[in-house]
Each structure stands twice: as C-alpha cells, then as structure tokens.
Amino acid sequence: MAKSFEELVERTATRRTRDRAEQRTKELLGELLLSELRQAAGKSQGELARALGIRQPSLSKLEHQEDMQISTLQKIVEALGGELEVIARFPKGSVRIDQFDGQKRSSGKRRNDPQGLQLL
C-alpha cells in the first residue's frame, strides 16, 4: 500500500526536524517573486491575466519588473486570492500603511506614537 509523503515524514523525521522544515518553508514562502507566488497559488499566466483583464504578455512583463505601482501589485495579489498589506519597518517599530486600502480601517490594537506614527 502506498504511503503519502506526509505519512513517511511523520513516521521517520523527529518533531524537531519537522518544525525546522516548517519554519524554513515559511521563510521561503515569505520571499517569493511574483511568478513564484502565482505558481504557488496554482495559476498559469493566462489564468491570472484573464482574471486581471489583461493579456498574458503584459502579465509576463509585470512579473519581471523590479518596480510597479502599489495598486497594480494589490490587484495581482487579490486576483491570486490574497490581501496586500504595506508595512514600513523602523527601529522603533513597524507601521502598517493603510492609505492604499479602499477603506480606512481604525483598530483598537494600534496606538499613536508621539511622532504621529501608528505603531503595530
């Protein structure tokens, strides 16, 4: 009887090894290029391009750009089923920039820094 890979790992790897592998996976997923993100979401360029209302060559060009508008990136991420958050990191803390959200969100979890920054 064939065993799944997960069953094999569960049976042969220590808990510590599985935890390290899971952590490394999270790190790698946190560093994906747009094309890798699209592939991880299981979408072809054609599928994503249709969802965005653009042609496949245009999407290919976007995936290889080193710079793009935040609104464009937001549309791509949302078409892949995600949500884009813009976080600025400073020595005193991180700030979520919500000016790019369609709607402003105010949360009781945030506090205003004396310098006017909303720290997370």
N, C-alpha and C. Protein backbone atom coordinates (compact mmCIF):
# COMPACT_ATOMS: atom_id res chain seq x y z
N MET A 1 0.85 -1.18 0.00
CA MET A 1 0.00 0.00 0.00
C MET A 1 0.89 1.25 0.00
N ALA A 2 0.58 2.20 -0.87
CA ALA A 2 1.38 3.41 -0.98
C ALA A 2 1.10 4.35 0.19
N LYS A 3 2.14 4.98 0.65
CA LYS A 3 2.04 5.94 1.75
C LYS A 3 2.22 7.35 1.19
N SER A 4 1.55 8.31 1.78
CA SER A 4 1.75 9.69 1.36
C SER A 4 3.09 10.18 1.90
N PHE A 5 3.58 11.23 1.29
CA PHE A 5 4.85 11.80 1.74
C PHE A 5 4.74 12.27 3.18
N GLU A 6 3.59 12.89 3.52
CA GLU A 6 3.40 13.37 4.89
C GLU A 6 3.47 12.23 5.90
N GLU A 7 2.88 11.07 5.54
CA GLU A 7 2.93 9.92 6.44
C GLU A 7 4.36 9.43 6.62
N LEU A 8 5.12 9.43 5.54
CA LEU A 8 6.51 9.00 5.60
C LEU A 8 7.33 9.94 6.48
N VAL A 9 7.15 11.22 6.31
CA VAL A 9 7.88 12.21 7.12
C VAL A 9 7.48 12.07 8.58
N GLU A 10 6.19 11.94 8.83
CA GLU A 10 5.69 11.80 10.20
C GLU A 10 6.32 10.59 10.89
N ARG A 11 6.48 9.53 10.14
CA ARG A 11 6.99 8.29 10.71
C ARG A 11 8.51 8.30 10.89
N THR A 12 9.23 9.02 10.02
CA THR A 12 10.69 8.92 10.02
C THR A 12 11.44 10.13 10.57
N ALA A 13 10.82 11.30 10.54
CA ALA A 13 11.52 12.52 10.98
C ALA A 13 11.15 12.86 12.43
N THR A 14 12.10 13.42 13.13
CA THR A 14 11.82 13.83 14.51
C THR A 14 10.94 15.09 14.49
N ARG A 15 10.32 15.36 15.59
CA ARG A 15 9.47 16.56 15.71
C ARG A 15 10.30 17.81 15.47
N ARG A 16 11.52 17.82 16.00
CA ARG A 16 12.42 18.97 15.83
C ARG A 16 12.73 19.20 14.34
N THR A 17 13.00 18.12 13.62
CA THR A 17 13.30 18.22 12.19
C THR A 17 12.08 18.73 11.43
N ARG A 18 10.90 18.24 11.76
CA ARG A 18 9.67 18.70 11.09
C ARG A 18 9.42 20.17 11.40
N ASP A 19 9.66 20.60 12.63
CA ASP A 19 9.48 22.01 13.00
C ASP A 19 10.44 22.91 12.22
N ARG A 20 11.70 22.48 12.12
CA ARG A 20 12.69 23.26 11.36
C ARG A 20 12.30 23.35 9.89
N ALA A 21 11.83 22.24 9.33
CA ALA A 21 11.41 22.23 7.92
C ALA A 21 10.21 23.16 7.71
N GLU A 22 9.27 23.13 8.65
CA GLU A 22 8.11 24.01 8.54
C GLU A 22 8.52 25.47 8.62
N GLN A 23 9.43 25.80 9.52
CA GLN A 23 9.91 27.18 9.65
C GLN A 23 10.62 27.63 8.38
N ARG A 24 11.45 26.78 7.82
CA ARG A 24 12.18 27.12 6.59
C ARG A 24 11.21 27.31 5.43
N THR A 25 10.19 26.49 5.38
CA THR A 25 9.17 26.62 4.34
C THR A 25 8.50 27.98 4.44
N LYS A 26 8.15 28.40 5.65
CA LYS A 26 7.53 29.71 5.85
C LYS A 26 8.47 30.83 5.41
N GLU A 27 9.76 30.68 5.71
CA GLU A 27 10.74 31.70 5.31
C GLU A 27 10.81 31.79 3.79
N LEU A 28 10.88 30.64 3.13
CA LEU A 28 10.97 30.63 1.68
C LEU A 28 9.72 31.19 1.03
N LEU A 29 8.55 30.86 1.58
CA LEU A 29 7.31 31.39 1.04
C LEU A 29 7.22 32.90 1.26
N GLY A 30 7.92 33.42 2.24
CA GLY A 30 7.93 34.85 2.50
C GLY A 30 8.84 35.63 1.58
N GLU A 31 9.53 34.93 0.68
CA GLU A 31 10.50 35.57 -0.21
C GLU A 31 10.26 35.22 -1.67
N LEU A 32 9.01 35.10 -2.07
CA LEU A 32 8.70 34.68 -3.42
C LEU A 32 8.67 35.85 -4.40
N LEU A 33 9.10 35.58 -5.62
CA LEU A 33 8.89 36.51 -6.71
C LEU A 33 7.42 36.42 -7.11
N LEU A 34 6.90 37.40 -7.83
CA LEU A 34 5.50 37.34 -8.26
C LEU A 34 5.20 36.08 -9.07
N SER A 35 6.09 35.70 -9.96
CA SER A 35 5.86 34.50 -10.76
C SER A 35 5.81 33.26 -9.87
N GLU A 36 6.65 33.21 -8.85
CA GLU A 36 6.65 32.08 -7.93
C GLU A 36 5.39 32.08 -7.08
N LEU A 37 4.93 33.26 -6.70
CA LEU A 37 3.70 33.39 -5.93
C LEU A 37 2.52 32.89 -6.76
N ARG A 38 2.49 33.27 -8.03
CA ARG A 38 1.43 32.82 -8.93
C ARG A 38 1.44 31.30 -9.06
N GLN A 39 2.63 30.73 -9.25
CA GLN A 39 2.74 29.28 -9.38
C GLN A 39 2.33 28.58 -8.09
N ALA A 40 2.72 29.13 -6.95
CA ALA A 40 2.35 28.54 -5.66
C ALA A 40 0.83 28.58 -5.47
N ALA A 41 0.18 29.57 -6.06
CA ALA A 41 -1.28 29.68 -5.99
C ALA A 41 -1.96 28.76 -7.01
N GLY A 42 -1.15 28.10 -7.84
CA GLY A 42 -1.70 27.16 -8.81
C GLY A 42 -2.33 27.80 -10.03
N LYS A 43 -1.86 28.99 -10.39
CA LYS A 43 -2.42 29.71 -11.54
C LYS A 43 -1.38 29.82 -12.66
N SER A 44 -1.85 29.71 -13.87
CA SER A 44 -0.98 29.95 -15.03
C SER A 44 -0.99 31.45 -15.32
N GLN A 45 -0.05 31.89 -16.14
CA GLN A 45 -0.04 33.30 -16.53
C GLN A 45 -1.34 33.66 -17.24
N GLY A 46 -1.80 32.76 -18.10
CA GLY A 46 -3.03 33.02 -18.85
C GLY A 46 -4.23 33.17 -17.93
N GLU A 47 -4.34 32.29 -16.94
CA GLU A 47 -5.46 32.36 -16.00
C GLU A 47 -5.44 33.66 -15.21
N LEU A 48 -4.28 34.02 -14.70
CA LEU A 48 -4.17 35.25 -13.92
C LEU A 48 -4.41 36.47 -14.79
N ALA A 49 -3.87 36.45 -16.00
CA ALA A 49 -4.07 37.58 -16.92
C ALA A 49 -5.56 37.77 -17.20
N ARG A 50 -6.28 36.68 -17.45
CA ARG A 50 -7.73 36.80 -17.69
C ARG A 50 -8.44 37.37 -16.47
N ALA A 51 -8.06 36.92 -15.28
CA ALA A 51 -8.67 37.44 -14.05
C ALA A 51 -8.42 38.94 -13.88
N LEU A 52 -7.27 39.39 -14.36
CA LEU A 52 -6.91 40.81 -14.25
C LEU A 52 -7.44 41.64 -15.42
N GLY A 53 -7.93 40.98 -16.47
CA GLY A 53 -8.42 41.70 -17.64
C GLY A 53 -7.30 42.24 -18.50
N ILE A 54 -6.16 41.55 -18.50
CA ILE A 54 -5.02 41.96 -19.33
C ILE A 54 -4.57 40.78 -20.17
N ARG A 55 -3.66 41.01 -21.09
CA ARG A 55 -3.13 39.93 -21.93
C ARG A 55 -1.96 39.24 -21.23
N GLN A 56 -1.73 37.99 -21.56
CA GLN A 56 -0.66 37.20 -20.93
C GLN A 56 0.71 37.84 -21.10
N PRO A 57 1.08 38.36 -22.28
CA PRO A 57 2.39 39.00 -22.39
C PRO A 57 2.55 40.21 -21.44
N SER A 58 1.45 40.91 -21.19
CA SER A 58 1.50 42.05 -20.25
C SER A 58 1.77 41.57 -18.84
N LEU A 59 1.15 40.44 -18.45
CA LEU A 59 1.40 39.88 -17.13
C LEU A 59 2.84 39.41 -17.02
N SER A 60 3.35 38.78 -18.07
CA SER A 60 4.74 38.33 -18.07
C SER A 60 5.68 39.51 -17.83
N LYS A 61 5.40 40.62 -18.48
CA LYS A 61 6.22 41.83 -18.30
C LYS A 61 6.14 42.32 -16.85
N LEU A 62 4.92 42.32 -16.29
CA LEU A 62 4.74 42.75 -14.90
C LEU A 62 5.54 41.87 -13.95
N GLU A 63 5.53 40.56 -14.19
CA GLU A 63 6.22 39.63 -13.30
C GLU A 63 7.73 39.83 -13.31
N HIS A 64 8.24 40.43 -14.36
CA HIS A 64 9.70 40.62 -14.45
C HIS A 64 10.15 42.04 -14.10
N GLN A 65 9.20 42.92 -13.82
CA GLN A 65 9.55 44.29 -13.44
C GLN A 65 10.13 44.32 -12.04
N GLU A 66 11.04 45.25 -11.83
CA GLU A 66 11.58 45.44 -10.49
C GLU A 66 10.84 46.53 -9.74
N ASP A 67 9.93 47.23 -10.42
CA ASP A 67 9.20 48.32 -9.80
C ASP A 67 7.80 48.36 -10.40
N MET A 68 6.80 48.59 -9.57
CA MET A 68 5.43 48.74 -10.07
C MET A 68 4.62 49.54 -9.06
N GLN A 69 3.47 50.01 -9.51
CA GLN A 69 2.60 50.75 -8.62
C GLN A 69 2.00 49.80 -7.59
N ILE A 70 1.77 50.32 -6.40
CA ILE A 70 1.19 49.51 -5.34
C ILE A 70 -0.20 49.04 -5.75
N SER A 71 -0.96 49.85 -6.44
CA SER A 71 -2.31 49.46 -6.86
C SER A 71 -2.26 48.26 -7.81
N THR A 72 -1.25 48.21 -8.67
CA THR A 72 -1.09 47.09 -9.58
C THR A 72 -0.76 45.82 -8.81
N LEU A 73 0.19 45.93 -7.88
CA LEU A 73 0.55 44.79 -7.05
C LEU A 73 -0.65 44.31 -6.24
N GLN A 74 -1.44 45.23 -5.72
CA GLN A 74 -2.62 44.89 -4.94
C GLN A 74 -3.62 44.10 -5.80
N LYS A 75 -3.83 44.52 -7.03
CA LYS A 75 -4.74 43.80 -7.93
C LYS A 75 -4.25 42.39 -8.21
N ILE A 76 -2.96 42.23 -8.40
CA ILE A 76 -2.39 40.90 -8.67
C ILE A 76 -2.59 40.00 -7.46
N VAL A 77 -2.24 40.50 -6.29
CA VAL A 77 -2.36 39.71 -5.06
C VAL A 77 -3.81 39.32 -4.82
N GLU A 78 -4.73 40.25 -5.01
CA GLU A 78 -6.14 39.95 -4.80
C GLU A 78 -6.66 38.94 -5.82
N ALA A 79 -6.19 39.02 -7.07
CA ALA A 79 -6.59 38.05 -8.10
C ALA A 79 -6.08 36.65 -7.77
N LEU A 80 -5.02 36.58 -6.97
CA LEU A 80 -4.48 35.28 -6.52
C LEU A 80 -5.16 34.81 -5.24
N GLY A 81 -6.10 35.61 -4.73
CA GLY A 81 -6.84 35.22 -3.54
C GLY A 81 -6.24 35.76 -2.25
N GLY A 82 -5.31 36.69 -2.34
CA GLY A 82 -4.66 37.23 -1.15
C GLY A 82 -5.07 38.65 -0.87
N GLU A 83 -4.43 39.21 0.12
CA GLU A 83 -4.65 40.59 0.52
C GLU A 83 -3.29 41.24 0.73
N LEU A 84 -3.08 42.39 0.14
CA LEU A 84 -1.80 43.08 0.26
C LEU A 84 -1.79 44.01 1.46
N GLU A 85 -0.75 43.93 2.25
CA GLU A 85 -0.52 44.87 3.34
C GLU A 85 0.84 45.50 3.11
N VAL A 86 0.92 46.81 3.33
CA VAL A 86 2.18 47.52 3.20
C VAL A 86 2.65 47.85 4.61
N ILE A 87 3.80 47.31 4.98
CA ILE A 87 4.37 47.50 6.31
C ILE A 87 5.71 48.23 6.17
N ALA A 88 5.86 49.32 6.89
CA ALA A 88 7.14 50.03 6.95
C ALA A 88 7.78 49.69 8.29
N ARG A 89 9.03 49.25 8.25
CA ARG A 89 9.74 48.87 9.47
C ARG A 89 10.75 49.95 9.84
N PHE A 90 10.67 50.39 11.10
CA PHE A 90 11.55 51.41 11.63
C PHE A 90 12.24 50.86 12.88
N PRO A 91 13.33 51.48 13.32
CA PRO A 91 13.99 51.00 14.54
C PRO A 91 13.05 50.94 15.75
N LYS A 92 12.10 51.88 15.83
CA LYS A 92 11.20 51.91 16.99
C LYS A 92 9.95 51.06 16.82
N GLY A 93 9.77 50.46 15.67
CA GLY A 93 8.60 49.62 15.45
C GLY A 93 8.15 49.61 14.01
N SER A 94 7.12 48.83 13.73
CA SER A 94 6.59 48.71 12.38
C SER A 94 5.28 49.46 12.26
N VAL A 95 5.01 49.95 11.07
CA VAL A 95 3.81 50.72 10.81
C VAL A 95 3.11 50.13 9.59
N ARG A 96 1.82 49.83 9.73
CA ARG A 96 1.03 49.38 8.59
C ARG A 96 0.49 50.62 7.89
N ILE A 97 0.81 50.77 6.63
CA ILE A 97 0.36 51.93 5.86
C ILE A 97 -0.95 51.54 5.19
N ASP A 98 -2.03 52.17 5.61
CA ASP A 98 -3.34 51.77 5.09
C ASP A 98 -3.93 52.75 4.09
N GLN A 99 -3.17 53.69 3.62
CA GLN A 99 -3.69 54.67 2.67
C GLN A 99 -4.03 54.01 1.34
N PHE A 100 -3.52 52.79 1.09
CA PHE A 100 -3.77 52.10 -0.16
C PHE A 100 -4.98 51.18 -0.08
N ASP A 101 -5.58 51.07 1.11
CA ASP A 101 -6.80 50.30 1.27
C ASP A 101 -7.95 51.10 0.68
N GLY A 102 -8.90 50.42 0.11
CA GLY A 102 -10.08 51.09 -0.42
C GLY A 102 -10.86 51.76 0.69
N GLN A 103 -10.77 51.19 1.87
CA GLN A 103 -11.46 51.75 3.03
C GLN A 103 -10.47 51.90 4.17
N LYS A 104 -10.55 52.96 4.88
CA LYS A 104 -9.67 53.18 6.02
C LYS A 104 -10.14 52.30 7.17
N ARG A 105 -9.19 51.68 7.85
CA ARG A 105 -9.53 50.85 8.99
C ARG A 105 -8.93 51.47 10.23
N SER A 106 -9.73 51.56 11.26
CA SER A 106 -9.16 52.00 12.53
C SER A 106 -9.34 50.86 13.50
N SER A 107 -8.28 50.51 14.18
CA SER A 107 -8.30 49.37 15.07
C SER A 107 -7.89 49.79 16.46
N GLY A 108 -8.52 49.20 17.43
CA GLY A 108 -8.15 49.47 18.80
C GLY A 108 -6.79 48.89 19.14
N LYS A 109 -6.23 48.07 18.27
CA LYS A 109 -4.93 47.44 18.53
C LYS A 109 -3.77 48.38 18.24
N ARG A 110 -4.05 49.47 17.57
CA ARG A 110 -2.98 50.41 17.23
C ARG A 110 -2.93 51.53 18.24
N ARG A 111 -1.75 52.12 18.34
CA ARG A 111 -1.63 53.29 19.19
C ARG A 111 -0.80 54.32 18.44
N ASN A 112 -1.05 55.56 18.73
CA ASN A 112 -0.31 56.63 18.07
C ASN A 112 0.99 56.87 18.80
N ASP A 113 2.06 56.89 18.07
CA ASP A 113 3.38 57.23 18.58
C ASP A 113 3.43 58.75 18.74
N PRO A 114 4.22 59.25 19.68
CA PRO A 114 4.33 60.71 19.84
C PRO A 114 4.73 61.42 18.55
N GLN A 115 5.39 60.73 17.64
CA GLN A 115 5.80 61.36 16.38
C GLN A 115 4.70 61.27 15.34
N GLY A 116 3.52 60.78 15.72
CA GLY A 116 2.40 60.72 14.79
C GLY A 116 2.30 59.42 14.02
N LEU A 117 3.15 58.44 14.32
CA LEU A 117 3.10 57.16 13.62
C LEU A 117 2.15 56.23 14.34
N GLN A 118 1.43 55.43 13.60
CA GLN A 118 0.58 54.41 14.21
C GLN A 118 1.37 53.11 14.26
N LEU A 119 1.84 52.76 15.45
CA LEU A 119 2.65 51.57 15.60
C LEU A 119 1.76 50.35 15.70
N LEU A 120 2.25 49.25 15.14
CA LEU A 120 1.52 47.98 15.22
C LEU A 120 1.77 47.32 16.55
